[in-house]
Amino acid sequence: GSLRLSCEASEFTFKYYAIGWFRQAPGKEREGVSCVSPSSSSGGTYY
């Protein structure tokens, strides 16, 4: 199946931040899942 998660912030500066998604299962370390750079930057998106 599918799910869509949302990450929201009220600060207008939110768009200037890179946003990472992480996950942590019981007994395991926190794992990086994805990262999206600010739209105005030359940065990339990673998985």
ModelCIF file with pLDDT and N, C-alpha, C, O atoms, coordinates in Angstrom:
data_MODEL
#
_entry.id   MODEL 
#
_entity.id                         1 
_entity.type                       polymer 
_entity.pdbx_number_of_molecules   1 
#
_entity_poly.entity_id                      1 
_entity_poly.type                           'polypeptide(L)' 
_entity_poly.nstd_linkage                   no 
_entity_poly.nstd_monomer                   no 
_entity_poly.pdbx_seq_one_letter_code       GSLRLSCEASEFTFKYYAIGWFRQAPGKEREGVSCVSPSSSSGGTYY 
_entity_poly.pdbx_seq_one_letter_code_can   GSLRLSCEASEFTFKYYAIGWFRQAPGKEREGVSCVSPSSSSGGTYY 
_entity_poly.pdbx_strand_id                 A 
#
loop_
_entity_poly_seq.entity_id 
_entity_poly_seq.num 
_entity_poly_seq.mon_id 
_entity_poly_seq.hetero 
1 1  GLY n 
1 2  SER n 
1 3  LEU n 
1 4  ARG n 
1 5  LEU n 
1 6  SER n 
1 7  CYS n 
1 8  GLU n 
1 9  ALA n 
1 10 SER n 
1 11 GLU n 
1 12 PHE n 
1 13 THR n 
1 14 PHE n 
1 15 LYS n 
1 16 TYR n 
1 17 TYR n 
1 18 ALA n 
1 19 ILE n 
1 20 GLY n 
1 21 TRP n 
1 22 PHE n 
1 23 ARG n 
1 24 GLN n 
1 25 ALA n 
1 26 PRO n 
1 27 GLY n 
1 28 LYS n 
1 29 GLU n 
1 30 ARG n 
1 31 GLU n 
1 32 GLY n 
1 33 VAL n 
1 34 SER n 
1 35 CYS n 
1 36 VAL n 
1 37 SER n 
1 38 PRO n 
1 39 SER n 
1 40 SER n 
1 41 SER n 
1 42 SER n 
1 43 GLY n 
1 44 GLY n 
1 45 THR n 
1 46 TYR n 
1 47 TYR n 
#
_struct_asym.id          A 
_struct_asym.entity_id   1 
#
loop_
_ma_qa_metric.id 
_ma_qa_metric.mode 
_ma_qa_metric.name 
_ma_qa_metric.software_group_id 
_ma_qa_metric.type 
1 global pLDDT . pLDDT 
2 local  pLDDT . pLDDT 
#
_ma_qa_metric_global.metric_id      1 
_ma_qa_metric_global.metric_value   94.26 
_ma_qa_metric_global.model_id       1 
_ma_qa_metric_global.ordinal_id     1 
#
loop_
_ma_qa_metric_local.label_asym_id 
_ma_qa_metric_local.label_comp_id 
_ma_qa_metric_local.label_seq_id 
_ma_qa_metric_local.metric_id 
_ma_qa_metric_local.metric_value 
_ma_qa_metric_local.model_id 
_ma_qa_metric_local.ordinal_id 
A GLY 1  2 98.00 1 1  
A SER 2  2 98.00 1 2  
A LEU 3  2 98.00 1 3  
A ARG 4  2 98.00 1 4  
A LEU 5  2 98.00 1 5  
A SER 6  2 98.00 1 6  
A CYS 7  2 97.00 1 7  
A GLU 8  2 95.00 1 8  
A ALA 9  2 91.00 1 9  
A SER 10 2 86.00 1 10 
A GLU 11 2 87.00 1 11 
A PHE 12 2 82.00 1 12 
A THR 13 2 88.00 1 13 
A PHE 14 2 90.00 1 14 
A LYS 15 2 90.00 1 15 
A TYR 16 2 92.00 1 16 
A TYR 17 2 94.00 1 17 
A ALA 18 2 96.00 1 18 
A ILE 19 2 97.00 1 19 
A GLY 20 2 97.00 1 20 
A TRP 21 2 98.00 1 21 
A PHE 22 2 98.00 1 22 
A ARG 23 2 98.00 1 23 
A GLN 24 2 98.00 1 24 
A ALA 25 2 97.00 1 25 
A PRO 26 2 95.00 1 26 
A GLY 27 2 96.00 1 27 
A LYS 28 2 97.00 1 28 
A GLU 29 2 97.00 1 29 
A ARG 30 2 97.00 1 30 
A GLU 31 2 97.00 1 31 
A GLY 32 2 97.00 1 32 
A VAL 33 2 98.00 1 33 
A SER 34 2 98.00 1 34 
A CYS 35 2 98.00 1 35 
A VAL 36 2 97.00 1 36 
A SER 37 2 96.00 1 37 
A PRO 38 2 93.00 1 38 
A SER 39 2 85.00 1 39 
A SER 40 2 85.00 1 40 
A SER 41 2 86.00 1 41 
A SER 42 2 87.00 1 42 
A GLY 43 2 89.00 1 43 
A GLY 44 2 93.00 1 44 
A THR 45 2 95.00 1 45 
A TYR 46 2 97.00 1 46 
A TYR 47 2 98.00 1 47 
#
loop_
_atom_site.group_PDB 
_atom_site.id 
_atom_site.type_symbol 
_atom_site.label_atom_id 
_atom_site.label_alt_id 
_atom_site.label_comp_id 
_atom_site.label_asym_id 
_atom_site.label_entity_id 
_atom_site.label_seq_id 
_atom_site.pdbx_PDB_ins_code 
_atom_site.Cartn_x 
_atom_site.Cartn_y 
_atom_site.Cartn_z 
_atom_site.occupancy 
_atom_site.B_iso_or_equiv 
_atom_site.pdbx_formal_charge 
_atom_site.auth_seq_id 
_atom_site.auth_comp_id 
_atom_site.auth_asym_id 
_atom_site.auth_atom_id 
_atom_site.pdbx_PDB_model_num 
ATOM 1   N N  . GLY A 1 1  ? 0.807  -1.217 0.000  1.00 98.00 ? 1  GLY A N  1 
ATOM 2   C CA . GLY A 1 1  ? 0.000  0.000  0.000  1.00 98.00 ? 1  GLY A CA 1 
ATOM 3   C C  . GLY A 1 1  ? 0.836  1.261  0.000  1.00 98.00 ? 1  GLY A C  1 
ATOM 4   O O  . GLY A 1 1  ? 2.062  1.221  -0.096 1.00 98.00 ? 1  GLY A O  1 
ATOM 5   N N  . SER A 1 2  ? 0.135  2.394  0.111  1.00 98.00 ? 2  SER A N  1 
ATOM 6   C CA . SER A 1 2  ? 0.787  3.700  0.044  1.00 98.00 ? 2  SER A CA 1 
ATOM 7   C C  . SER A 1 2  ? 0.335  4.587  1.193  1.00 98.00 ? 2  SER A C  1 
ATOM 8   O O  . SER A 1 2  ? -0.764 4.439  1.728  1.00 98.00 ? 2  SER A O  1 
ATOM 9   N N  . LEU A 1 3  ? 1.215  5.511  1.555  1.00 98.00 ? 3  LEU A N  1 
ATOM 10  C CA . LEU A 1 3  ? 0.902  6.564  2.511  1.00 98.00 ? 3  LEU A CA 1 
ATOM 11  C C  . LEU A 1 3  ? 1.625  7.820  2.072  1.00 98.00 ? 3  LEU A C  1 
ATOM 12  O O  . LEU A 1 3  ? 2.666  7.750  1.418  1.00 98.00 ? 3  LEU A O  1 
ATOM 13  N N  . ARG A 1 4  ? 1.072  8.972  2.430  1.00 98.00 ? 4  ARG A N  1 
ATOM 14  C CA . ARG A 1 4  ? 1.762  10.224 2.203  1.00 98.00 ? 4  ARG A CA 1 
ATOM 15  C C  . ARG A 1 4  ? 1.924  10.949 3.531  1.00 98.00 ? 4  ARG A C  1 
ATOM 16  O O  . ARG A 1 4  ? 0.946  11.281 4.201  1.00 98.00 ? 4  ARG A O  1 
ATOM 17  N N  . LEU A 1 5  ? 3.159  11.184 3.888  1.00 98.00 ? 5  LEU A N  1 
ATOM 18  C CA . LEU A 1 5  ? 3.455  11.946 5.097  1.00 98.00 ? 5  LEU A CA 1 
ATOM 19  C C  . LEU A 1 5  ? 3.651  13.416 4.740  1.00 98.00 ? 5  LEU A C  1 
ATOM 20  O O  . LEU A 1 5  ? 4.105  13.753 3.647  1.00 98.00 ? 5  LEU A O  1 
ATOM 21  N N  . SER A 1 6  ? 3.299  14.272 5.681  1.00 98.00 ? 6  SER A N  1 
ATOM 22  C CA . SER A 1 6  ? 3.484  15.711 5.506  1.00 98.00 ? 6  SER A CA 1 
ATOM 23  C C  . SER A 1 6  ? 4.368  16.254 6.609  1.00 98.00 ? 6  SER A C  1 
ATOM 24  O O  . SER A 1 6  ? 4.329  15.778 7.744  1.00 98.00 ? 6  SER A O  1 
ATOM 25  N N  . CYS A 1 7  ? 5.158  17.243 6.273  1.00 97.00 ? 7  CYS A N  1 
ATOM 26  C CA . CYS A 1 7  ? 6.004  17.957 7.229  1.00 97.00 ? 7  CYS A CA 1 
ATOM 27  C C  . CYS A 1 7  ? 5.727  19.435 7.008  1.00 97.00 ? 7  CYS A C  1 
ATOM 28  O O  . CYS A 1 7  ? 6.046  19.978 5.951  1.00 97.00 ? 7  CYS A O  1 
ATOM 29  N N  . GLU A 1 8  ? 5.140  20.082 7.995  1.00 95.00 ? 8  GLU A N  1 
ATOM 30  C CA . GLU A 1 8  ? 4.689  21.459 7.845  1.00 95.00 ? 8  GLU A CA 1 
ATOM 31  C C  . GLU A 1 8  ? 5.278  22.337 8.929  1.00 95.00 ? 8  GLU A C  1 
ATOM 32  O O  . GLU A 1 8  ? 5.505  21.890 10.053 1.00 95.00 ? 8  GLU A O  1 
ATOM 33  N N  . ALA A 1 9  ? 5.522  23.582 8.585  1.00 91.00 ? 9  ALA A N  1 
ATOM 34  C CA . ALA A 1 9  ? 5.974  24.561 9.575  1.00 91.00 ? 9  ALA A CA 1 
ATOM 35  C C  . ALA A 1 9  ? 5.284  25.886 9.292  1.00 91.00 ? 9  ALA A C  1 
ATOM 36  O O  . ALA A 1 9  ? 4.917  26.173 8.153  1.00 91.00 ? 9  ALA A O  1 
ATOM 37  N N  . SER A 1 10 ? 5.113  26.680 10.320 1.00 86.00 ? 10 SER A N  1 
ATOM 38  C CA . SER A 1 10 ? 4.416  27.950 10.164 1.00 86.00 ? 10 SER A CA 1 
ATOM 39  C C  . SER A 1 10 ? 5.350  29.101 9.774  1.00 86.00 ? 10 SER A C  1 
ATOM 40  O O  . SER A 1 10 ? 4.899  30.138 9.287  1.00 86.00 ? 10 SER A O  1 
ATOM 41  N N  . GLU A 1 11 ? 6.648  28.907 9.992  1.00 87.00 ? 11 GLU A N  1 
ATOM 42  C CA . GLU A 1 11 ? 7.595  29.983 9.706  1.00 87.00 ? 11 GLU A CA 1 
ATOM 43  C C  . GLU A 1 11 ? 7.752  30.203 8.199  1.00 87.00 ? 11 GLU A C  1 
ATOM 44  O O  . GLU A 1 11 ? 7.880  29.242 7.440  1.00 87.00 ? 11 GLU A O  1 
ATOM 45  N N  . PHE A 1 12 ? 7.743  31.465 7.769  1.00 82.00 ? 12 PHE A N  1 
ATOM 46  C CA . PHE A 1 12 ? 7.837  31.735 6.340  1.00 82.00 ? 12 PHE A CA 1 
ATOM 47  C C  . PHE A 1 12 ? 9.195  31.351 5.781  1.00 82.00 ? 12 PHE A C  1 
ATOM 48  O O  . PHE A 1 12 ? 9.353  31.205 4.569  1.00 82.00 ? 12 PHE A O  1 
ATOM 49  N N  . THR A 1 13 ? 10.187 31.184 6.669  1.00 88.00 ? 13 THR A N  1 
ATOM 50  C CA . THR A 1 13 ? 11.539 30.828 6.222  1.00 88.00 ? 13 THR A CA 1 
ATOM 51  C C  . THR A 1 13 ? 11.694 29.345 5.924  1.00 88.00 ? 13 THR A C  1 
ATOM 52  O O  . THR A 1 13 ? 12.760 28.896 5.502  1.00 88.00 ? 13 THR A O  1 
ATOM 53  N N  . PHE A 1 14 ? 10.618 28.583 6.149  1.00 90.00 ? 14 PHE A N  1 
ATOM 54  C CA . PHE A 1 14 ? 10.671 27.122 5.969  1.00 90.00 ? 14 PHE A CA 1 
ATOM 55  C C  . PHE A 1 14 ? 11.207 26.748 4.592  1.00 90.00 ? 14 PHE A C  1 
ATOM 56  O O  . PHE A 1 14 ? 11.937 25.768 4.447  1.00 90.00 ? 14 PHE A O  1 
ATOM 57  N N  . LYS A 1 15 ? 10.839 27.537 3.579  1.00 90.00 ? 15 LYS A N  1 
ATOM 58  C CA . LYS A 1 15 ? 11.216 27.202 2.211  1.00 90.00 ? 15 LYS A CA 1 
ATOM 59  C C  . LYS A 1 15 ? 12.719 27.331 1.964  1.00 90.00 ? 15 LYS A C  1 
ATOM 60  O O  . LYS A 1 15 ? 13.221 26.848 0.949  1.00 90.00 ? 15 LYS A O  1 
ATOM 61  N N  . TYR A 1 16 ? 13.424 27.966 2.862  1.00 92.00 ? 16 TYR A N  1 
ATOM 62  C CA . TYR A 1 16 ? 14.863 28.134 2.699  1.00 92.00 ? 16 TYR A CA 1 
ATOM 63  C C  . TYR A 1 16 ? 15.673 27.027 3.373  1.00 92.00 ? 16 TYR A C  1 
ATOM 64  O O  . TYR A 1 16 ? 16.903 27.030 3.314  1.00 92.00 ? 16 TYR A O  1 
ATOM 65  N N  . TYR A 1 17 ? 14.984 26.085 4.010  1.00 94.00 ? 17 TYR A N  1 
ATOM 66  C CA . TYR A 1 17 ? 15.647 24.991 4.699  1.00 94.00 ? 17 TYR A CA 1 
ATOM 67  C C  . TYR A 1 17 ? 15.600 23.714 3.871  1.00 94.00 ? 17 TYR A C  1 
ATOM 68  O O  . TYR A 1 17 ? 14.616 23.447 3.181  1.00 94.00 ? 17 TYR A O  1 
ATOM 69  N N  . ALA A 1 18 ? 16.660 22.934 3.943  1.00 96.00 ? 18 ALA A N  1 
ATOM 70  C CA . ALA A 1 18 ? 16.592 21.561 3.466  1.00 96.00 ? 18 ALA A CA 1 
ATOM 71  C C  . ALA A 1 18 ? 15.809 20.753 4.493  1.00 96.00 ? 18 ALA A C  1 
ATOM 72  O O  . ALA A 1 18 ? 15.948 20.967 5.697  1.00 96.00 ? 18 ALA A O  1 
ATOM 73  N N  . ILE A 1 19 ? 14.990 19.827 4.015  1.00 97.00 ? 19 ILE A N  1 
ATOM 74  C CA . ILE A 1 19 ? 14.165 19.001 4.903  1.00 97.00 ? 19 ILE A CA 1 
ATOM 75  C C  . ILE A 1 19 ? 14.539 17.541 4.713  1.00 97.00 ? 19 ILE A C  1 
ATOM 76  O O  . ILE A 1 19 ? 14.505 17.000 3.608  1.00 97.00 ? 19 ILE A O  1 
ATOM 77  N N  . GLY A 1 20 ? 14.894 16.932 5.819  1.00 97.00 ? 20 GLY A N  1 
ATOM 78  C CA . GLY A 1 20 ? 15.222 15.511 5.804  1.00 97.00 ? 20 GLY A CA 1 
ATOM 79  C C  . GLY A 1 20 ? 14.110 14.685 6.417  1.00 97.00 ? 20 GLY A C  1 
ATOM 80  O O  . GLY A 1 20 ? 13.420 15.131 7.333  1.00 97.00 ? 20 GLY A O  1 
ATOM 81  N N  . TRP A 1 21 ? 13.944 13.490 5.910  1.00 98.00 ? 21 TRP A N  1 
ATOM 82  C CA . TRP A 1 21 ? 13.033 12.508 6.507  1.00 98.00 ? 21 TRP A CA 1 
ATOM 83  C C  . TRP A 1 21 ? 13.876 11.377 7.084  1.00 98.00 ? 21 TRP A C  1 
ATOM 84  O O  . TRP A 1 21 ? 14.818 10.895 6.454  1.00 98.00 ? 21 TRP A O  1 
ATOM 85  N N  . PHE A 1 22 ? 13.519 10.968 8.287  1.00 98.00 ? 22 PHE A N  1 
ATOM 86  C CA . PHE A 1 22 ? 14.210 9.903  8.994  1.00 98.00 ? 22 PHE A CA 1 
ATOM 87  C C  . PHE A 1 22 ? 13.183 8.921  9.524  1.00 98.00 ? 22 PHE A C  1 
ATOM 88  O O  . PHE A 1 22 ? 11.995 9.232  9.607  1.00 98.00 ? 22 PHE A O  1 
ATOM 89  N N  . ARG A 1 23 ? 13.646 7.739  9.880  1.00 98.00 ? 23 ARG A N  1 
ATOM 90  C CA . ARG A 1 23 ? 12.770 6.773  10.525 1.00 98.00 ? 23 ARG A CA 1 
ATOM 91  C C  . ARG A 1 23 ? 13.559 5.998  11.569 1.00 98.00 ? 23 ARG A C  1 
ATOM 92  O O  . ARG A 1 23 ? 14.771 5.815  11.461 1.00 98.00 ? 23 ARG A O  1 
ATOM 93  N N  . GLN A 1 24 ? 12.836 5.556  12.572 1.00 98.00 ? 24 GLN A N  1 
ATOM 94  C CA . GLN A 1 24 ? 13.458 4.791  13.642 1.00 98.00 ? 24 GLN A CA 1 
ATOM 95  C C  . GLN A 1 24 ? 12.514 3.691  14.085 1.00 98.00 ? 24 GLN A C  1 
ATOM 96  O O  . GLN A 1 24 ? 11.411 3.951  14.567 1.00 98.00 ? 24 GLN A O  1 
ATOM 97  N N  . ALA A 1 25 ? 12.966 2.461  13.912 1.00 97.00 ? 25 ALA A N  1 
ATOM 98  C CA . ALA A 1 25 ? 12.215 1.300  14.358 1.00 97.00 ? 25 ALA A CA 1 
ATOM 99  C C  . ALA A 1 25 ? 12.697 0.914  15.753 1.00 97.00 ? 25 ALA A C  1 
ATOM 100 O O  . ALA A 1 25 ? 13.813 1.268  16.132 1.00 97.00 ? 25 ALA A O  1 
ATOM 101 N N  . PRO A 1 26 ? 11.889 0.204  16.517 1.00 95.00 ? 26 PRO A N  1 
ATOM 102 C CA . PRO A 1 26 ? 12.294 -0.189 17.871 1.00 95.00 ? 26 PRO A CA 1 
ATOM 103 C C  . PRO A 1 26 ? 13.617 -0.945 17.871 1.00 95.00 ? 26 PRO A C  1 
ATOM 104 O O  . PRO A 1 26 ? 13.797 -1.898 17.114 1.00 95.00 ? 26 PRO A O  1 
ATOM 105 N N  . GLY A 1 27 ? 14.537 -0.515 18.722 1.00 96.00 ? 27 GLY A N  1 
ATOM 106 C CA . GLY A 1 27 ? 15.812 -1.196 18.846 1.00 96.00 ? 27 GLY A CA 1 
ATOM 107 C C  . GLY A 1 27 ? 16.817 -0.880 17.767 1.00 96.00 ? 27 GLY A C  1 
ATOM 108 O O  . GLY A 1 27 ? 17.910 -1.445 17.742 1.00 96.00 ? 27 GLY A O  1 
ATOM 109 N N  . LYS A 1 28 ? 16.448 0.033  16.860 1.00 97.00 ? 28 LYS A N  1 
ATOM 110 C CA . LYS A 1 28 ? 17.354 0.366  15.767 1.00 97.00 ? 28 LYS A CA 1 
ATOM 111 C C  . LYS A 1 28 ? 17.732 1.846  15.813 1.00 97.00 ? 28 LYS A C  1 
ATOM 112 O O  . LYS A 1 28 ? 17.058 2.654  16.452 1.00 97.00 ? 28 LYS A O  1 
ATOM 113 N N  . GLU A 1 29 ? 18.815 2.180  15.128 1.00 97.00 ? 29 GLU A N  1 
ATOM 114 C CA . GLU A 1 29 ? 19.243 3.571  15.054 1.00 97.00 ? 29 GLU A CA 1 
ATOM 115 C C  . GLU A 1 29 ? 18.352 4.352  14.087 1.00 97.00 ? 29 GLU A C  1 
ATOM 116 O O  . GLU A 1 29 ? 17.715 3.786  13.199 1.00 97.00 ? 29 GLU A O  1 
ATOM 117 N N  . ARG A 1 30 ? 18.331 5.663  14.290 1.00 97.00 ? 30 ARG A N  1 
ATOM 118 C CA . ARG A 1 30 ? 17.575 6.519  13.380 1.00 97.00 ? 30 ARG A CA 1 
ATOM 119 C C  . ARG A 1 30 ? 18.261 6.522  12.010 1.00 97.00 ? 30 ARG A C  1 
ATOM 120 O O  . ARG A 1 30 ? 19.472 6.716  11.905 1.00 97.00 ? 30 ARG A O  1 
ATOM 121 N N  . GLU A 1 31 ? 17.462 6.305  10.972 1.00 97.00 ? 31 GLU A N  1 
ATOM 122 C CA . GLU A 1 31 ? 17.970 6.117  9.617  1.00 97.00 ? 31 GLU A CA 1 
ATOM 123 C C  . GLU A 1 31 ? 17.513 7.257  8.707  1.00 97.00 ? 31 GLU A C  1 
ATOM 124 O O  . GLU A 1 31 ? 16.335 7.612  8.711  1.00 97.00 ? 31 GLU A O  1 
ATOM 125 N N  . GLY A 1 32 ? 18.422 7.828  7.937  1.00 97.00 ? 32 GLY A N  1 
ATOM 126 C CA . GLY A 1 32 ? 18.054 8.841  6.957  1.00 97.00 ? 32 GLY A CA 1 
ATOM 127 C C  . GLY A 1 32 ? 17.352 8.207  5.778  1.00 97.00 ? 32 GLY A C  1 
ATOM 128 O O  . GLY A 1 32 ? 17.843 7.231  5.211  1.00 97.00 ? 32 GLY A O  1 
ATOM 129 N N  . VAL A 1 33 ? 16.198 8.754  5.401  1.00 98.00 ? 33 VAL A N  1 
ATOM 130 C CA . VAL A 1 33 ? 15.380 8.202  4.321  1.00 98.00 ? 33 VAL A CA 1 
ATOM 131 C C  . VAL A 1 33 ? 15.478 9.053  3.065  1.00 98.00 ? 33 VAL A C  1 
ATOM 132 O O  . VAL A 1 33 ? 15.652 8.538  1.961  1.00 98.00 ? 33 VAL A O  1 
ATOM 133 N N  . SER A 1 34 ? 15.363 10.375 3.253  1.00 98.00 ? 34 SER A N  1 
ATOM 134 C CA . SER A 1 34 ? 15.349 11.255 2.097  1.00 98.00 ? 34 SER A CA 1 
ATOM 135 C C  . SER A 1 34 ? 15.703 12.661 2.538  1.00 98.00 ? 34 SER A C  1 
ATOM 136 O O  . SER A 1 34 ? 15.577 13.011 3.711  1.00 98.00 ? 34 SER A O  1 
ATOM 137 N N  . CYS A 1 35 ? 16.148 13.461 1.579  1.00 98.00 ? 35 CYS A N  1 
ATOM 138 C CA . CYS A 1 35 ? 16.412 14.870 1.859  1.00 98.00 ? 35 CYS A CA 1 
ATOM 139 C C  . CYS A 1 35 ? 16.126 15.679 0.609  1.00 98.00 ? 35 CYS A C  1 
ATOM 140 O O  . CYS A 1 35 ? 16.520 15.301 -0.494 1.00 98.00 ? 35 CYS A O  1 
ATOM 141 N N  . VAL A 1 36 ? 15.431 16.805 0.793  1.00 97.00 ? 36 VAL A N  1 
ATOM 142 C CA . VAL A 1 36 ? 15.149 17.710 -0.330 1.00 97.00 ? 36 VAL A CA 1 
ATOM 143 C C  . VAL A 1 36 ? 15.713 19.079 0.004  1.00 97.00 ? 36 VAL A C  1 
ATOM 144 O O  . VAL A 1 36 ? 15.453 19.621 1.078  1.00 97.00 ? 36 VAL A O  1 
ATOM 145 N N  . SER A 1 37 ? 16.483 19.636 -0.915 1.00 96.00 ? 37 SER A N  1 
ATOM 146 C CA . SER A 1 37 ? 17.114 20.933 -0.702 1.00 96.00 ? 37 SER A CA 1 
ATOM 147 C C  . SER A 1 37 ? 16.111 22.065 -0.956 1.00 96.00 ? 37 SER A C  1 
ATOM 148 O O  . SER A 1 37 ? 15.051 21.831 -1.537 1.00 96.00 ? 37 SER A O  1 
ATOM 149 N N  . PRO A 1 38 ? 16.435 23.274 -0.531 1.00 93.00 ? 38 PRO A N  1 
ATOM 150 C CA . PRO A 1 38 ? 15.558 24.406 -0.835 1.00 93.00 ? 38 PRO A CA 1 
ATOM 151 C C  . PRO A 1 38 ? 15.388 24.576 -2.341 1.00 93.00 ? 38 PRO A C  1 
ATOM 152 O O  . PRO A 1 38 ? 16.332 24.363 -3.103 1.00 93.00 ? 38 PRO A O  1 
ATOM 153 N N  . SER A 1 39 ? 14.196 24.955 -2.767 1.00 85.00 ? 39 SER A N  1 
ATOM 154 C CA . SER A 1 39 ? 13.907 25.098 -4.189 1.00 85.00 ? 39 SER A CA 1 
ATOM 155 C C  . SER A 1 39 ? 14.797 26.139 -4.846 1.00 85.00 ? 39 SER A C  1 
ATOM 156 O O  . SER A 1 39 ? 15.151 26.007 -6.017 1.00 85.00 ? 39 SER A O  1 
ATOM 157 N N  . SER A 1 40 ? 15.160 27.168 -4.099 1.00 85.00 ? 40 SER A N  1 
ATOM 158 C CA . SER A 1 40 ? 15.956 28.265 -4.634 1.00 85.00 ? 40 SER A CA 1 
ATOM 159 C C  . SER A 1 40 ? 17.443 27.949 -4.696 1.00 85.00 ? 40 SER A C  1 
ATOM 160 O O  . SER A 1 40 ? 18.232 28.774 -5.158 1.00 85.00 ? 40 SER A O  1 
ATOM 161 N N  . SER A 1 41 ? 17.830 26.777 -4.242 1.00 86.00 ? 41 SER A N  1 
ATOM 162 C CA . SER A 1 41 ? 19.249 26.435 -4.171 1.00 86.00 ? 41 SER A CA 1 
ATOM 163 C C  . SER A 1 41 ? 19.640 25.522 -5.323 1.00 86.00 ? 41 SER A C  1 
ATOM 164 O O  . SER A 1 41 ? 18.798 25.084 -6.107 1.00 86.00 ? 41 SER A O  1 
ATOM 165 N N  . SER A 1 42 ? 20.921 25.248 -5.403 1.00 87.00 ? 42 SER A N  1 
ATOM 166 C CA . SER A 1 42 ? 21.438 24.306 -6.395 1.00 87.00 ? 42 SER A CA 1 
ATOM 167 C C  . SER A 1 42 ? 21.559 22.904 -5.821 1.00 87.00 ? 42 SER A C  1 
ATOM 168 O O  . SER A 1 42 ? 22.075 21.997 -6.475 1.00 87.00 ? 42 SER A O  1 
ATOM 169 N N  . GLY A 1 43 ? 21.084 22.734 -4.606 1.00 89.00 ? 43 GLY A N  1 
ATOM 170 C CA . GLY A 1 43 ? 21.182 21.435 -3.953 1.00 89.00 ? 43 GLY A CA 1 
ATOM 171 C C  . GLY A 1 43 ? 20.257 20.394 -4.557 1.00 89.00 ? 43 GLY A C  1 
ATOM 172 O O  . GLY A 1 43 ? 19.317 20.720 -5.281 1.00 89.00 ? 43 GLY A O  1 
ATOM 173 N N  . GLY A 1 44 ? 20.541 19.132 -4.246 1.00 93.00 ? 44 GLY A N  1 
ATOM 174 C CA . GLY A 1 44 ? 19.800 18.039 -4.828 1.00 93.00 ? 44 GLY A CA 1 
ATOM 175 C C  . GLY A 1 44 ? 18.805 17.399 -3.877 1.00 93.00 ? 44 GLY A C  1 
ATOM 176 O O  . GLY A 1 44 ? 18.588 17.860 -2.757 1.00 93.00 ? 44 GLY A O  1 
ATOM 177 N N  . THR A 1 45 ? 18.213 16.327 -4.360 1.00 95.00 ? 45 THR A N  1 
ATOM 178 C CA . THR A 1 45 ? 17.294 15.495 -3.595 1.00 95.00 ? 45 THR A CA 1 
ATOM 179 C C  . THR A 1 45 ? 17.887 14.098 -3.531 1.00 95.00 ? 45 THR A C  1 
ATOM 180 O O  . THR A 1 45 ? 18.341 13.562 -4.542 1.00 95.00 ? 45 THR A O  1 
ATOM 181 N N  . TYR A 1 46 ? 17.883 13.515 -2.350 1.00 97.00 ? 46 TYR A N  1 
ATOM 182 C CA . TYR A 1 46 ? 18.559 12.234 -2.152 1.00 97.00 ? 46 TYR A CA 1 
ATOM 183 C C  . TYR A 1 46 ? 17.661 11.260 -1.411 1.00 97.00 ? 46 TYR A C  1 
ATOM 184 O O  . TYR A 1 46 ? 16.771 11.645 -0.653 1.00 97.00 ? 46 TYR A O  1 
ATOM 185 N N  . TYR A 1 47 ? 17.928 9.979  -1.660 1.00 98.00 ? 47 TYR A N  1 
ATOM 186 C CA . TYR A 1 47 ? 17.169 8.904  -1.043 1.00 98.00 ? 47 TYR A CA 1 
ATOM 187 C C  . TYR A 1 47 ? 18.117 7.821  -0.534 1.00 98.00 ? 47 TYR A C  1 
ATOM 188 O O  . TYR A 1 47 ? 17.668 6.819  0.024  1.00 98.00 ? 47 TYR A O  1 
#
